[in-house]
Amino acid sequence: MSDLRLASTSKYFDFGGGDDHVVLDGDRVVGRIVRLPQPPKGRPWFWVITAADKTPSVRNKGHAATCEEAMADFKARWLA
């Protein structure tokens, strides 16, 4: 089972603020969850899987109402 957790994007890259997170699987960055400044109505959180070993797919990204929902959506797709 994957050990997914969030960490501040700024810890890993030279950008990011309080609402910008990388998704880690162990110590490896596998995605990002960020609150968008101009989001779709009611779904400000954007999530995306960025791991190179995952087959690219339009299903590897999405929008959510909360950060927690974005993480749950990310995890469901990650484990699919």
C-alpha atoms as a PDB file:
ATOM      1  CA  MET A   1       0.000   0.000   0.000  1.00  0.00           C
ATOM      2  CA  SER A   2       1.260   3.462  -0.846  1.00  0.00           C
ATOM      3  CA  ASP A   3       2.201   5.853   1.937  1.00  0.00           C
ATOM      4  CA  LEU A   4       0.903   9.091   0.385  1.00  0.00           C
ATOM      5  CA  ARG A   5       1.333  12.339   2.273  1.00  0.00           C
ATOM      6  CA  LEU A   6       1.514  16.059   1.596  1.00  0.00           C
ATOM      7  CA  ALA A   7       4.481  18.379   2.044  1.00  0.00           C
ATOM      8  CA  SER A   8       5.062  22.025   1.208  1.00  0.00           C
ATOM      9  CA  THR A   9       6.067  22.487  -2.423  1.00  0.00           C
ATOM     10  CA  SER A  10       8.611  25.096  -1.350  1.00  0.00           C
ATOM     11  CA  LYS A  11      10.555  22.383   0.545  1.00  0.00           C
ATOM     12  CA  TYR A  12      11.240  20.616  -2.759  1.00  0.00           C
ATOM     13  CA  PHE A  13      11.174  23.381  -5.379  1.00  0.00           C
ATOM     14  CA  ASP A  14      11.881  27.117  -5.588  1.00  0.00           C
ATOM     15  CA  PHE A  15       8.194  28.070  -5.622  1.00  0.00           C
ATOM     16  CA  GLY A  16       4.966  27.463  -3.733  1.00  0.00           C
ATOM     17  CA  GLY A  17       3.057  28.938  -0.857  1.00  0.00           C
ATOM     18  CA  GLY A  18       0.768  27.803   1.923  1.00  0.00           C
ATOM     19  CA  ASP A  19      -1.830  26.263  -0.388  1.00  0.00           C
ATOM     20  CA  ASP A  20       0.670  24.496  -2.651  1.00  0.00           C
ATOM     21  CA  HIS A  21       1.675  20.930  -1.822  1.00  0.00           C
ATOM     22  CA  VAL A  22       3.635  18.088  -3.352  1.00  0.00           C
ATOM     23  CA  VAL A  23       2.286  14.576  -2.901  1.00  0.00           C
ATOM     24  CA  LEU A  24       4.889  12.140  -1.640  1.00  0.00           C
ATOM     25  CA  ASP A  25       4.919   8.350  -1.869  1.00  0.00           C
ATOM     26  CA  GLY A  26       7.531   7.611   0.749  1.00  0.00           C
ATOM     27  CA  ASP A  27      10.299  10.097  -0.133  1.00  0.00           C
ATOM     28  CA  ARG A  28       9.406  10.399  -3.829  1.00  0.00           C
ATOM     29  CA  VAL A  29       7.440  13.343  -5.261  1.00  0.00           C
ATOM     30  CA  VAL A  30       4.606  11.811  -7.305  1.00  0.00           C
ATOM     31  CA  GLY A  31       2.182  14.707  -7.705  1.00  0.00           C
ATOM     32  CA  ARG A  32       0.899  18.077  -6.666  1.00  0.00           C
ATOM     33  CA  ILE A  33      -2.190  19.532  -4.992  1.00  0.00           C
ATOM     34  CA  VAL A  34      -2.638  23.296  -5.199  1.00  0.00           C
ATOM     35  CA  ARG A  35      -5.374  25.844  -4.549  1.00  0.00           C
ATOM     36  CA  LEU A  36      -5.901  27.753  -7.802  1.00  0.00           C
ATOM     37  CA  PRO A  37      -6.306  31.541  -7.878  1.00  0.00           C
ATOM     38  CA  GLN A  38      -9.085  31.370 -10.532  1.00  0.00           C
ATOM     39  CA  PRO A  39     -10.642  27.916 -10.128  1.00  0.00           C
ATOM     40  CA  PRO A  40     -13.781  26.349 -11.517  1.00  0.00           C
ATOM     41  CA  LYS A  41     -16.695  27.444  -9.301  1.00  0.00           C
ATOM     42  CA  GLY A  42     -16.753  25.558  -6.003  1.00  0.00           C
ATOM     43  CA  ARG A  43     -13.705  23.412  -6.850  1.00  0.00           C
ATOM     44  CA  PRO A  44     -10.602  25.472  -6.035  1.00  0.00           C
ATOM     45  CA  TRP A  45      -8.215  22.573  -5.412  1.00  0.00           C
ATOM     46  CA  PHE A  46      -6.365  21.065  -8.383  1.00  0.00           C
ATOM     47  CA  TRP A  47      -4.565  17.723  -8.141  1.00  0.00           C
ATOM     48  CA  VAL A  48      -2.280  16.024 -10.656  1.00  0.00           C
ATOM     49  CA  ILE A  49      -0.182  12.858 -10.730  1.00  0.00           C
ATOM     50  CA  THR A  50       3.291  13.690 -12.078  1.00  0.00           C
ATOM     51  CA  ALA A  51       5.177  10.436 -11.474  1.00  0.00           C
ATOM     52  CA  ALA A  52       7.159   9.465 -14.566  1.00  0.00           C
ATOM     53  CA  ASP A  53       6.356   5.763 -14.144  1.00  0.00           C
ATOM     54  CA  LYS A  54       2.570   6.323 -14.343  1.00  0.00           C
ATOM     55  CA  THR A  55       1.017   6.160 -17.805  1.00  0.00           C
ATOM     56  CA  PRO A  56      -0.148   9.651 -18.806  1.00  0.00           C
ATOM     57  CA  SER A  57      -3.929   9.962 -18.747  1.00  0.00           C
ATOM     58  CA  VAL A  58      -6.553  12.699 -18.631  1.00  0.00           C
ATOM     59  CA  ARG A  59      -7.811  10.873 -15.522  1.00  0.00           C
ATOM     60  CA  ASN A  60      -4.576  11.654 -13.659  1.00  0.00           C
ATOM     61  CA  LYS A  61      -5.763  15.155 -12.748  1.00  0.00           C
ATOM     62  CA  GLY A  62      -8.855  16.843 -11.426  1.00  0.00           C
ATOM     63  CA  HIS A  63     -10.501  19.521  -9.307  1.00  0.00           C
ATOM     64  CA  ALA A  64     -11.971  19.209  -5.816  1.00  0.00           C
ATOM     65  CA  ALA A  65     -13.858  21.311  -3.282  1.00  0.00           C
ATOM     66  CA  THR A  66     -11.338  20.759  -0.462  1.00  0.00           C
ATOM     67  CA  CYS A  67      -7.711  19.761  -0.080  1.00  0.00           C
ATOM     68  CA  GLU A  68      -8.853  16.576   1.681  1.00  0.00           C
ATOM     69  CA  GLU A  69     -11.151  15.692  -1.215  1.00  0.00           C
ATOM     70  CA  ALA A  70      -8.319  16.354  -3.677  1.00  0.00           C
ATOM     71  CA  MET A  71      -6.056  14.001  -1.712  1.00  0.00           C
ATOM     72  CA  ALA A  72      -8.767  11.308  -1.642  1.00  0.00           C
ATOM     73  CA  ASP A  73      -9.281  11.654  -5.412  1.00  0.00           C
ATOM     74  CA  PHE A  74      -5.514  11.569  -5.985  1.00  0.00           C
ATOM     75  CA  LYS A  75      -5.126   8.448  -3.851  1.00  0.00           C
ATOM     76  CA  ALA A  76      -8.005   6.647  -5.575  1.00  0.00           C
ATOM     77  CA  ARG A  77      -6.473   7.303  -8.977  1.00  0.00           C
ATOM     78  CA  TRP A  78      -2.948   6.490  -7.745  1.00  0.00           C
ATOM     79  CA  LEU A  79      -4.085   3.080  -6.515  1.00  0.00           C
ATOM     80  CA  ALA A  80      -6.213   2.329  -9.623  1.00  0.00           C
END
